C-alpha atoms as a PDB file:
ATOM      1  CA  MET A   1       0.000   0.000   0.000  1.00  0.00           C
ATOM      2  CA  LYS A   2       2.867   2.329   0.821  1.00  0.00           C
ATOM      3  CA  ASP A   3       4.439   1.784  -2.599  1.00  0.00           C
ATOM      4  CA  LYS A   4       1.138   2.557  -4.332  1.00  0.00           C
ATOM      5  CA  ARG A   5       0.776   5.864  -2.469  1.00  0.00           C
ATOM      6  CA  ILE A   6       4.278   6.883  -3.482  1.00  0.00           C
ATOM      7  CA  TYR A   7       3.584   5.822  -7.056  1.00  0.00           C
ATOM      8  CA  PHE A   8       0.367   7.873  -7.247  1.00  0.00           C
ATOM      9  CA  PHE A   9       2.138  10.894  -5.767  1.00  0.00           C
ATOM     10  CA  LEU A  10       4.899  10.620  -8.369  1.00  0.00           C
ATOM     11  CA  ILE A  11       2.295  10.367 -11.157  1.00  0.00           C
ATOM     12  CA  GLY A  12       0.592  13.556  -9.966  1.00  0.00           C
ATOM     13  CA  LEU A  13       3.921  15.360  -9.622  1.00  0.00           C
ATOM     14  CA  PHE A  14       4.984  14.244 -13.096  1.00  0.00           C
ATOM     15  CA  VAL A  15       1.746  15.447 -14.701  1.00  0.00           C
ATOM     16  CA  LEU A  16       2.015  18.878 -13.069  1.00  0.00           C
ATOM     17  CA  THR A  17       5.696  19.420 -13.840  1.00  0.00           C
ATOM     18  CA  TRP A  18       5.461  18.094 -17.407  1.00  0.00           C
ATOM     19  CA  SER A  19       2.350  20.159 -18.173  1.00  0.00           C
ATOM     20  CA  SER A  20       3.948  23.301 -16.744  1.00  0.00           C
ATOM     21  CA  ALA A  21       6.686  23.052 -19.373  1.00  0.00           C
ATOM     22  CA  PHE A  22       4.306  24.085 -22.158  1.00  0.00           C
ATOM     23  CA  VAL A  23       3.288  27.273 -20.355  1.00  0.00           C
ATOM     24  CA  ALA A  24       6.874  28.071 -19.368  1.00  0.00           C
ATOM     25  CA  THR A  25       7.934  27.576 -22.988  1.00  0.00           C
ATOM     26  CA  LYS A  26       5.729  30.435 -24.166  1.00  0.00           C
ATOM     27  CA  PHE A  27       7.523  32.771 -21.737  1.00  0.00           C
ATOM     28  CA  ALA A  28      10.946  31.502 -22.811  1.00  0.00           C
ATOM     29  CA  LEU A  29      10.180  32.055 -26.504  1.00  0.00           C
ATOM     30  CA  THR A  30       9.519  35.750 -25.853  1.00  0.00           C
ATOM     31  CA  VAL A  31      13.104  36.325 -24.708  1.00  0.00           C
ATOM     32  CA  CYS A  32      15.259  33.800 -26.616  1.00  0.00           C
ATOM     33  CA  PRO A  33      15.296  31.816 -29.883  1.00  0.00           C
ATOM     34  CA  PRO A  34      14.234  28.214 -29.227  1.00  0.00           C
ATOM     35  CA  ASN A  35      17.358  26.212 -30.077  1.00  0.00           C
ATOM     36  CA  LEU A  36      19.706  28.556 -28.223  1.00  0.00           C
ATOM     37  CA  PHE A  37      17.533  28.471 -25.106  1.00  0.00           C
ATOM     38  CA  LEU A  38      17.227  24.680 -25.257  1.00  0.00           C
ATOM     39  CA  GLY A  39      20.981  24.376 -25.738  1.00  0.00           C
ATOM     40  CA  PHE A  40      21.695  26.437 -22.602  1.00  0.00           C
ATOM     41  CA  ARG A  41      19.031  24.542 -20.676  1.00  0.00           C
ATOM     42  CA  PHE A  42      20.109  21.012 -21.546  1.00  0.00           C
ATOM     43  CA  ILE A  43      23.853  21.639 -21.177  1.00  0.00           C
ATOM     44  CA  ALA A  44      23.271  23.103 -17.712  1.00  0.00           C
ATOM     45  CA  ALA A  45      20.878  20.340 -16.615  1.00  0.00           C
ATOM     46  CA  GLY A  46      23.035  17.556 -18.033  1.00  0.00           C
ATOM     47  CA  SER A  47      26.192  18.950 -16.432  1.00  0.00           C
ATOM     48  CA  ILE A  48      24.496  19.162 -13.029  1.00  0.00           C
ATOM     49  CA  LEU A  49      23.188  15.591 -13.214  1.00  0.00           C
ATOM     50  CA  LEU A  50      26.486  14.116 -14.425  1.00  0.00           C
ATOM     51  CA  ALA A  51      28.378  16.045 -11.740  1.00  0.00           C
ATOM     52  CA  VAL A  52      26.122  14.434  -9.125  1.00  0.00           C
ATOM     53  CA  ALA A  53      26.705  11.048 -10.760  1.00  0.00           C
ATOM     54  CA  ALA A  54      30.476  11.591 -10.658  1.00  0.00           C
ATOM     55  CA  VAL A  55      30.370  12.471  -6.956  1.00  0.00           C
ATOM     56  CA  LYS A  56      28.398   9.261  -6.339  1.00  0.00           C
ATOM     57  CA  GLY A  57      30.962   7.256  -8.294  1.00  0.00           C
ATOM     58  CA  GLN A  58      28.542   6.265 -11.036  1.00  0.00           C
ATOM     59  CA  LEU A  59      30.761   7.315 -13.965  1.00  0.00           C
ATOM     60  CA  ARG A  60      33.665   4.977 -13.244  1.00  0.00           C
ATOM     61  CA  ALA A  61      32.480   1.863 -15.087  1.00  0.00           C
ATOM     62  CA  PRO A  62      32.240   1.705 -18.909  1.00  0.00           C
ATOM     63  CA  LEU A  63      28.920   3.252 -19.908  1.00  0.00           C
ATOM     64  CA  PRO A  64      26.794   2.803 -23.077  1.00  0.00           C
ATOM     65  CA  TRP A  65      27.282   6.392 -24.222  1.00  0.00           C
ATOM     66  CA  ALA A  66      26.205   5.646 -27.804  1.00  0.00           C
ATOM     67  CA  ARG A  67      22.792   4.400 -26.664  1.00  0.00           C
ATOM     68  CA  ILE A  68      22.418   7.266 -24.215  1.00  0.00           C
ATOM     69  CA  ALA A  69      23.234   9.693 -27.041  1.00  0.00           C
ATOM     70  CA  ILE A  70      20.585   8.115 -29.279  1.00  0.00           C
ATOM     71  CA  LEU A  71      18.008   8.551 -26.523  1.00  0.00           C
ATOM     72  CA  GLY A  72      19.089  12.163 -26.061  1.00  0.00           C
ATOM     73  CA  LEU A  73      18.741  12.937 -29.758  1.00  0.00           C
ATOM     74  CA  LEU A  74      15.229  11.427 -29.855  1.00  0.00           C
ATOM     75  CA  ASN A  75      13.752  12.349 -26.461  1.00  0.00           C
ATOM     76  CA  GLN A  76      15.246  15.807 -26.053  1.00  0.00           C
ATOM     77  CA  ALA A  77      16.948  17.236 -29.145  1.00  0.00           C
ATOM     78  CA  ALA A  78      14.422  16.201 -31.800  1.00  0.00           C
ATOM     79  CA  TYR A  79      11.336  16.259 -29.584  1.00  0.00           C
ATOM     80  CA  TYR A  80      11.976  19.617 -27.949  1.00  0.00           C
ATOM     81  CA  GLY A  81      13.665  21.255 -30.925  1.00  0.00           C
ATOM     82  CA  LEU A  82      10.703  20.551 -33.209  1.00  0.00           C
ATOM     83  CA  ALA A  83       8.031  21.115 -30.550  1.00  0.00           C
ATOM     84  CA  TRP A  84       9.419  24.511 -29.557  1.00  0.00           C
ATOM     85  CA  ALA A  85       9.671  25.557 -33.211  1.00  0.00           C
ATOM     86  CA  GLY A  86       6.009  24.609 -33.614  1.00  0.00           C
ATOM     87  CA  MET A  87       4.984  26.450 -30.456  1.00  0.00           C
ATOM     88  CA  GLU A  88       6.241  29.731 -31.886  1.00  0.00           C
ATOM     89  CA  THR A  89       3.031  29.798 -33.961  1.00  0.00           C
ATOM     90  CA  THR A  90       0.637  27.603 -31.963  1.00  0.00           C
ATOM     91  CA  SER A  91      -0.938  27.768 -28.523  1.00  0.00           C
ATOM     92  CA  SER A  92       0.444  26.092 -25.419  1.00  0.00           C
ATOM     93  CA  GLY A  93      -2.817  24.192 -24.931  1.00  0.00           C
ATOM     94  CA  LEU A  94      -2.783  22.662 -28.407  1.00  0.00           C
ATOM     95  CA  ALA A  95       0.860  21.603 -28.058  1.00  0.00           C
ATOM     96  CA  THR A  96       0.000  19.885 -24.783  1.00  0.00           C
ATOM     97  CA  LEU A  97      -2.854  18.035 -26.413  1.00  0.00           C
ATOM     98  CA  ILE A  98      -0.929  16.839 -29.478  1.00  0.00           C
ATOM     99  CA  THR A  99       1.891  15.414 -27.383  1.00  0.00           C
ATOM    100  CA  SER A 100      -0.679  13.658 -25.186  1.00  0.00           C
ATOM    101  CA  LEU A 101      -1.251  11.288 -28.115  1.00  0.00           C
ATOM    102  CA  ASN A 102       2.026   9.605 -27.154  1.00  0.00           C
ATOM    103  CA  PRO A 103       0.290   6.575 -25.539  1.00  0.00           C
ATOM    104  CA  VAL A 104      -1.832   5.947 -28.616  1.00  0.00           C
ATOM    105  CA  LEU A 105       1.199   5.575 -30.857  1.00  0.00           C
ATOM    106  CA  VAL A 106       3.377   3.877 -28.238  1.00  0.00           C
ATOM    107  CA  SER A 107       0.727   1.250 -27.502  1.00  0.00           C
ATOM    108  CA  VAL A 108       0.346   0.371 -31.165  1.00  0.00           C
ATOM    109  CA  ALA A 109       4.099   0.319 -31.834  1.00  0.00           C
ATOM    110  CA  ALA A 110       4.964  -1.533 -28.593  1.00  0.00           C
ATOM    111  CA  TRP A 111       2.954  -4.525 -29.799  1.00  0.00           C
ATOM    112  CA  PRO A 112       5.276  -5.502 -32.696  1.00  0.00           C
ATOM    113  CA  VAL A 113       8.449  -3.789 -31.394  1.00  0.00           C
ATOM    114  CA  LEU A 114       8.423  -4.784 -27.708  1.00  0.00           C
ATOM    115  CA  GLY A 115       5.972  -7.672 -27.732  1.00  0.00           C
ATOM    116  CA  GLU A 116       3.614  -5.926 -25.291  1.00  0.00           C
ATOM    117  CA  SER A 117      -0.024  -7.001 -25.406  1.00  0.00           C
ATOM    118  CA  LEU A 118      -2.756  -4.815 -26.869  1.00  0.00           C
ATOM    119  CA  SER A 119      -5.965  -6.110 -25.284  1.00  0.00           C
ATOM    120  CA  PRO A 120      -9.456  -5.081 -26.445  1.00  0.00           C
ATOM    121  CA  ARG A 121      -9.799  -3.023 -23.242  1.00  0.00           C
ATOM    122  CA  LYS A 122      -6.610  -1.108 -23.971  1.00  0.00           C
ATOM    123  CA  ALA A 123      -7.556  -0.687 -27.605  1.00  0.00           C
ATOM    124  CA  ALA A 124     -10.933   0.778 -26.611  1.00  0.00           C
ATOM    125  CA  GLY A 125      -9.259   3.169 -24.185  1.00  0.00           C
ATOM    126  CA  LEU A 126      -6.770   4.297 -26.788  1.00  0.00           C
ATOM    127  CA  VAL A 127      -9.522   4.884 -29.346  1.00  0.00           C
ATOM    128  CA  LEU A 128     -11.473   6.986 -26.857  1.00  0.00           C
ATOM    129  CA  GLY A 129      -8.388   8.998 -25.982  1.00  0.00           C
ATOM    130  CA  LEU A 130      -7.591   9.590 -29.628  1.00  0.00           C
ATOM    131  CA  THR A 131     -11.194  10.609 -30.328  1.00  0.00           C
ATOM    132  CA  GLY A 132     -11.190  13.179 -27.541  1.00  0.00           C
ATOM    133  CA  ALA A 133      -7.850  14.584 -28.646  1.00  0.00           C
ATOM    134  CA  ALA A 134      -8.952  14.751 -32.287  1.00  0.00           C
ATOM    135  CA  LEU A 135     -12.080  16.686 -31.290  1.00  0.00           C
ATOM    136  CA  VAL A 136     -10.011  19.405 -29.663  1.00  0.00           C
ATOM    137  CA  VAL A 137      -7.371  19.551 -32.407  1.00  0.00           C
ATOM    138  CA  ARG A 138      -9.996  19.832 -35.146  1.00  0.00           C
ATOM    139  CA  ASP A 139     -11.771  22.661 -33.339  1.00  0.00           C
ATOM    140  CA  ARG A 140      -8.537  24.533 -32.636  1.00  0.00           C
ATOM    141  CA  ILE A 141      -7.348  24.344 -36.263  1.00  0.00           C
ATOM    142  CA  ALA A 142     -10.762  25.535 -37.469  1.00  0.00           C
ATOM    143  CA  PHE A 143     -10.349  28.627 -35.310  1.00  0.00           C
ATOM    144  CA  GLY A 144      -6.943  29.657 -36.603  1.00  0.00           C
ATOM    145  CA  GLU A 145      -4.160  27.489 -35.171  1.00  0.00           C
ATOM    146  CA  ASP A 146      -1.149  27.372 -37.533  1.00  0.00           C
ATOM    147  CA  ALA A 147      -1.071  24.146 -39.582  1.00  0.00           C
ATOM    148  CA  HIS A 148       2.716  24.258 -40.052  1.00  0.00           C
ATOM    149  CA  GLY A 149       3.230  24.562 -36.307  1.00  0.00           C
ATOM    150  CA  VAL A 150       0.874  21.614 -35.757  1.00  0.00           C
ATOM    151  CA  MET A 151       2.934  19.560 -38.233  1.00  0.00           C
ATOM    152  CA  LEU A 152       6.201  20.336 -36.419  1.00  0.00           C
ATOM    153  CA  ILE A 153       4.733  19.357 -33.047  1.00  0.00           C
ATOM    154  CA  SER A 154       3.325  16.158 -34.589  1.00  0.00           C
ATOM    155  CA  VAL A 155       6.763  15.161 -35.914  1.00  0.00           C
ATOM    156  CA  ALA A 156       8.194  15.955 -32.474  1.00  0.00           C
ATOM    157  CA  LEU A 157       5.655  13.538 -31.023  1.00  0.00           C
ATOM    158  CA  LEU A 158       6.847  10.766 -33.359  1.00  0.00           C
ATOM    159  CA  CYS A 159      10.416  11.349 -32.167  1.00  0.00           C
ATOM    160  CA  MET A 160       9.328  10.995 -28.553  1.00  0.00           C
ATOM    161  CA  VAL A 161       7.470   7.771 -29.356  1.00  0.00           C
ATOM    162  CA  ALA A 162      10.644   6.397 -30.943  1.00  0.00           C
ATOM    163  CA  GLY A 163      12.631   7.508 -27.885  1.00  0.00           C
ATOM    164  CA  THR A 164      10.178   5.802 -25.525  1.00  0.00           C
ATOM    165  CA  LEU A 165      10.401   2.519 -27.428  1.00  0.00           C
ATOM    166  CA  ALA A 166      14.189   2.782 -27.640  1.00  0.00           C
ATOM    167  CA  PHE A 167      14.455   3.307 -23.876  1.00  0.00           C
ATOM    168  CA  LYS A 168      12.479   0.145 -23.204  1.00  0.00           C
ATOM    169  CA  LYS A 169      14.332  -1.776 -25.937  1.00  0.00           C
ATOM    170  CA  PHE A 170      17.783  -0.788 -24.668  1.00  0.00           C
ATOM    171  CA  ASN A 171      16.850  -1.729 -21.070  1.00  0.00           C
ATOM    172  CA  LEU A 172      19.751   0.263 -19.628  1.00  0.00           C
ATOM    173  CA  LYS A 173      20.902  -0.837 -16.170  1.00  0.00           C
ATOM    174  CA  GLU A 174      22.756   2.365 -15.330  1.00  0.00           C
ATOM    175  CA  SER A 175      21.566   4.932 -12.789  1.00  0.00           C
ATOM    176  CA  LEU A 176      18.777   7.250 -13.966  1.00  0.00           C
ATOM    177  CA  ILE A 177      21.014  10.189 -13.065  1.00  0.00           C
ATOM    178  CA  VAL A 178      23.551   9.001 -15.626  1.00  0.00           C
ATOM    179  CA  VAL A 179      20.981   8.072 -18.279  1.00  0.00           C
ATOM    180  CA  VAL A 180      19.022  11.337 -18.023  1.00  0.00           C
ATOM    181  CA  GLY A 181      22.097  13.515 -17.544  1.00  0.00           C
ATOM    182  CA  GLY A 182      23.860  11.997 -20.544  1.00  0.00           C
ATOM    183  CA  GLN A 183      20.796  12.535 -22.714  1.00  0.00           C
ATOM    184  CA  GLN A 184      20.482  16.140 -21.621  1.00  0.00           C
ATOM    185  CA  LEU A 185      24.131  16.945 -22.307  1.00  0.00           C
ATOM    186  CA  CYS A 186      24.069  15.313 -25.754  1.00  0.00           C
ATOM    187  CA  ALA A 187      20.872  17.150 -26.668  1.00  0.00           C
ATOM    188  CA  GLY A 188      22.214  20.446 -25.337  1.00  0.00           C
ATOM    189  CA  VAL A 189      25.391  20.327 -27.407  1.00  0.00           C
ATOM    190  CA  THR A 190      23.407  19.379 -30.523  1.00  0.00           C
ATOM    191  CA  LEU A 191      20.764  22.090 -30.114  1.00  0.00           C
ATOM    192  CA  LEU A 192      23.276  24.792 -29.197  1.00  0.00           C
ATOM    193  CA  ALA A 193      25.210  24.018 -32.383  1.00  0.00           C
ATOM    194  CA  VAL A 194      21.990  24.217 -34.408  1.00  0.00           C
ATOM    195  CA  GLY A 195      21.034  27.459 -32.674  1.00  0.00           C
ATOM    196  CA  LEU A 196      24.399  29.127 -33.277  1.00  0.00           C
ATOM    197  CA  GLY A 197      24.139  28.184 -36.946  1.00  0.00           C
ATOM    198  CA  THR A 198      20.526  29.235 -37.554  1.00  0.00           C
ATOM    199  CA  GLU A 199      19.574  31.819 -34.904  1.00  0.00           C
ATOM    200  CA  ARG A 200      20.887  35.221 -33.795  1.00  0.00           C
ATOM    201  CA  VAL A 201      22.460  35.596 -30.370  1.00  0.00           C
ATOM    202  CA  THR A 202      21.454  39.274 -30.450  1.00  0.00           C
ATOM    203  CA  ASP A 203      17.792  38.198 -30.218  1.00  0.00           C
ATOM    204  CA  ILE A 204      18.342  37.025 -26.632  1.00  0.00           C
ATOM    205  CA  SER A 205      16.910  39.355 -23.958  1.00  0.00           C
ATOM    206  CA  VAL A 206      18.767  38.582 -20.745  1.00  0.00           C
ATOM    207  CA  ASP A 207      16.139  39.836 -18.292  1.00  0.00           C
ATOM    208  CA  MET A 208      14.184  38.443 -15.336  1.00  0.00           C
ATOM    209  CA  THR A 209      11.871  36.434 -17.632  1.00  0.00           C
ATOM    210  CA  PHE A 210      14.895  34.794 -19.248  1.00  0.00           C
ATOM    211  CA  TRP A 211      16.467  33.748 -15.944  1.00  0.00           C
ATOM    212  CA  LEU A 212      13.221  32.578 -14.355  1.00  0.00           C
ATOM    213  CA  SER A 213      12.341  30.561 -17.472  1.00  0.00           C
ATOM    214  CA  LEU A 214      15.817  29.038 -17.581  1.00  0.00           C
ATOM    215  CA  VAL A 215      15.797  28.088 -13.893  1.00  0.00           C
ATOM    216  CA  TRP A 216      12.302  26.559 -14.211  1.00  0.00           C
ATOM    217  CA  HIS A 217      13.166  24.543 -17.309  1.00  0.00           C
ATOM    218  CA  ILE A 218      16.457  23.307 -15.854  1.00  0.00           C
ATOM    219  CA  GLY A 219      15.309  22.432 -12.340  1.00  0.00           C
ATOM    220  CA  VAL A 220      11.638  21.557 -12.638  1.00  0.00           C
ATOM    221  CA  VAL A 221      11.388  20.187 -16.187  1.00  0.00           C
ATOM    222  CA  SER A 222      14.782  18.911 -17.370  1.00  0.00           C
ATOM    223  CA  ILE A 223      15.888  17.458 -14.038  1.00  0.00           C
ATOM    224  CA  GLY A 224      12.574  16.932 -12.233  1.00  0.00           C
ATOM    225  CA  ALA A 225      10.007  15.936 -14.858  1.00  0.00           C
ATOM    226  CA  PHE A 226      12.354  13.947 -17.088  1.00  0.00           C
ATOM    227  CA  SER A 227      13.782  12.005 -14.153  1.00  0.00           C
ATOM    228  CA  LEU A 228      10.232  11.215 -13.031  1.00  0.00           C
ATOM    229  CA  TRP A 229       9.280  10.183 -16.574  1.00  0.00           C
ATOM    230  CA  PHE A 230      12.110   7.700 -16.977  1.00  0.00           C
ATOM    231  CA  TYR A 231      11.575   6.398 -13.450  1.00  0.00           C
ATOM    232  CA  LEU A 232       7.882   5.737 -14.147  1.00  0.00           C
ATOM    233  CA  LEU A 233       8.828   4.228 -17.517  1.00  0.00           C
ATOM    234  CA  SER A 234      11.250   1.863 -15.781  1.00  0.00           C
ATOM    235  CA  GLU A 235       8.532   0.862 -13.275  1.00  0.00           C
ATOM    236  CA  GLY A 236       6.014  -0.431 -15.830  1.00  0.00           C
ATOM    237  CA  SER A 237       5.367  -1.166 -19.481  1.00  0.00           C
ATOM    238  CA  ALA A 238       5.856   1.429 -22.213  1.00  0.00           C
ATOM    239  CA  THR A 239       2.084   1.481 -22.754  1.00  0.00           C
ATOM    240  CA  SER A 240       1.127   1.984 -19.110  1.00  0.00           C
ATOM    241  CA  ALA A 241       3.759   4.663 -18.500  1.00  0.00           C
ATOM    242  CA  SER A 242       2.951   6.543 -21.704  1.00  0.00           C
ATOM    243  CA  SER A 243      -0.761   6.487 -20.897  1.00  0.00           C
ATOM    244  CA  LEU A 244      -0.021   9.118 -18.250  1.00  0.00           C
ATOM    245  CA  HIS A 245       0.102  11.588 -21.142  1.00  0.00           C
ATOM    246  CA  PHE A 246      -3.682  11.312 -21.395  1.00  0.00           C
ATOM    247  CA  LEU A 247      -3.768  13.469 -18.250  1.00  0.00           C
ATOM    248  CA  MET A 248      -1.901  16.292 -19.961  1.00  0.00           C
ATOM    249  CA  PRO A 249      -4.731  17.840 -22.046  1.00  0.00           C
ATOM    250  CA  PRO A 250      -7.050  18.891 -19.211  1.00  0.00           C
ATOM    251  CA  VAL A 251      -4.184  19.987 -16.963  1.00  0.00           C
ATOM    252  CA  GLY A 252      -2.335  21.774 -19.770  1.00  0.00           C
ATOM    253  CA  LEU A 253      -5.435  23.463 -21.161  1.00  0.00           C
ATOM    254  CA  VAL A 254      -6.429  24.790 -17.736  1.00  0.00           C
ATOM    255  CA  MET A 255      -2.878  25.998 -17.040  1.00  0.00           C
ATOM    256  CA  SER A 256      -2.774  27.797 -20.401  1.00  0.00           C
ATOM    257  CA  TRP A 257      -6.142  29.396 -19.683  1.00  0.00           C
ATOM    258  CA  LEU A 258      -5.248  30.532 -16.167  1.00  0.00           C
ATOM    259  CA  ILE A 259      -1.693  31.736 -16.806  1.00  0.00           C
ATOM    260  CA  LEU A 260      -1.532  32.678 -20.506  1.00  0.00           C
ATOM    261  CA  HIS A 261      -5.232  33.563 -20.884  1.00  0.00           C
ATOM    262  CA  GLU A 262      -5.540  31.319 -23.926  1.00  0.00           C
ATOM    263  CA  PRO A 263      -9.190  30.672 -24.873  1.00  0.00           C
ATOM    264  CA  LEU A 264     -10.812  27.582 -23.398  1.00  0.00           C
ATOM    265  CA  ARG A 265     -13.541  26.432 -25.767  1.00  0.00           C
ATOM    266  CA  ALA A 266     -16.455  24.046 -25.212  1.00  0.00           C
ATOM    267  CA  ALA A 267     -14.814  21.504 -27.520  1.00  0.00           C
ATOM    268  CA  ASP A 268     -11.731  21.578 -25.285  1.00  0.00           C
ATOM    269  CA  LEU A 269     -13.791  20.602 -22.263  1.00  0.00           C
ATOM    270  CA  ALA A 270     -15.853  18.013 -24.194  1.00  0.00           C
ATOM    271  CA  GLY A 271     -12.685  16.339 -25.441  1.00  0.00           C
ATOM    272  CA  THR A 272     -11.427  15.671 -21.914  1.00  0.00           C
ATOM    273  CA  VAL A 273     -14.350  13.284 -21.196  1.00  0.00           C
ATOM    274  CA  PRO A 274     -13.362  10.460 -23.601  1.00  0.00           C
ATOM    275  CA  ILE A 275      -9.723  11.148 -22.731  1.00  0.00           C
ATOM    276  CA  GLY A 276     -10.460  10.570 -19.041  1.00  0.00           C
ATOM    277  CA  ILE A 277     -12.313   7.334 -19.787  1.00  0.00           C
ATOM    278  CA  GLY A 278      -9.426   6.255 -21.987  1.00  0.00           C
ATOM    279  CA  ILE A 279      -6.997   6.810 -19.104  1.00  0.00           C
ATOM    280  CA  TRP A 280      -9.008   4.542 -16.850  1.00  0.00           C
ATOM    281  CA  LEU A 281      -9.332   1.774 -19.439  1.00  0.00           C
ATOM    282  CA  VAL A 282      -5.664   1.777 -20.374  1.00  0.00           C
ATOM    283  CA  THR A 283      -4.148   2.125 -16.898  1.00  0.00           C
ATOM    284  CA  ARG A 284      -6.559   0.490 -14.429  1.00  0.00           C
ATOM    285  CA  ARG A 285      -4.450  -2.657 -14.208  1.00  0.00           C
ATOM    286  CA  ALA A 286      -0.976  -2.086 -15.579  1.00  0.00           C
ATOM    287  CA  ALA A 287      -0.064   1.324 -14.268  1.00  0.00           C
ATOM    288  CA  LEU A 288      -1.990   1.190 -11.011  1.00  0.00           C
ATOM    289  CA  VAL A 289      -0.102  -1.828  -9.708  1.00  0.00           C
ATOM    290  CA  PRO A 290       3.584  -0.840  -9.828  1.00  0.00           C
ATOM    291  CA  ARG A 291       6.374  -3.210  -9.016  1.00  0.00           C
ATOM    292  CA  PRO A 292       7.793  -2.736  -5.484  1.00  0.00           C
ATOM    293  CA  ILE A 293       9.874   0.437  -5.578  1.00  0.00           C
ATOM    294  CA  SER A 294      12.542  -1.070  -3.354  1.00  0.00           C
ATOM    295  CA  GLN A 295      13.357  -3.652  -6.027  1.00  0.00           C
ATOM    296  CA  THR A 296      13.628  -1.350  -9.014  1.00  0.00           C
ATOM    297  CA  ALA A 297      14.845   2.062  -7.873  1.00  0.00           C
ATOM    298  CA  LYS A 298      18.377   2.920  -8.980  1.00  0.00           C
END
């Protein structure tokens, strides 16, 4: 019972921190080009995590840096680089909703790639979740959301799906501090190089918004949310862990409405109903019964 309470708390914390990233991104984009900001963020976060790992003696043994780099390119560099580019012309709420389709694609792909089962109950839940998400996306595009931005965020989603499957396929035994930190550093170097080649450093406004956004993205999102994500992913199947993304639309839409004053339409609210039912159908067995934390924590 104790393990379940901790697991539920971590799920709630993950949803809040991950959803907050979309709102914080809109602030960051007002003061810095996307790739440059992401480069600074990931290099700082990765350096902090790997420094902690070094102090704990976790960098002494030979490590699978090539696999960690692949995960970093998929889960951070490609996902965030494309998603942030798309969010320059789309709303925070819509970006949250598109990326919430992660479990739909992961569940389908995990069947042939990882050999995970796709039961009729899970299939029904995924269909409901996809239906609710599609309702909101269709309404948002009809009322002026940028199609090119939607395409970029959609491709970013595919990169994250590939990264999720790769993480489960690689089955890395190293500490999460090393795995997440290595990914962050690889992504940061890649995105900073892209930013220096395609964006202007003079467009950066080093003010209070810049520093607050950077601190939030480094501490709360890059270190906090991503560590929680990979921990939850290591605790269960790719399908059950990814199904947590069904919680993002209602939380993200409300955050965007409260903080950014983005419009909250009736279709947005209606779409959360099938999404909520989909969450219950997909996760009521797999994700709600985690393995004992004492046996799997690293």
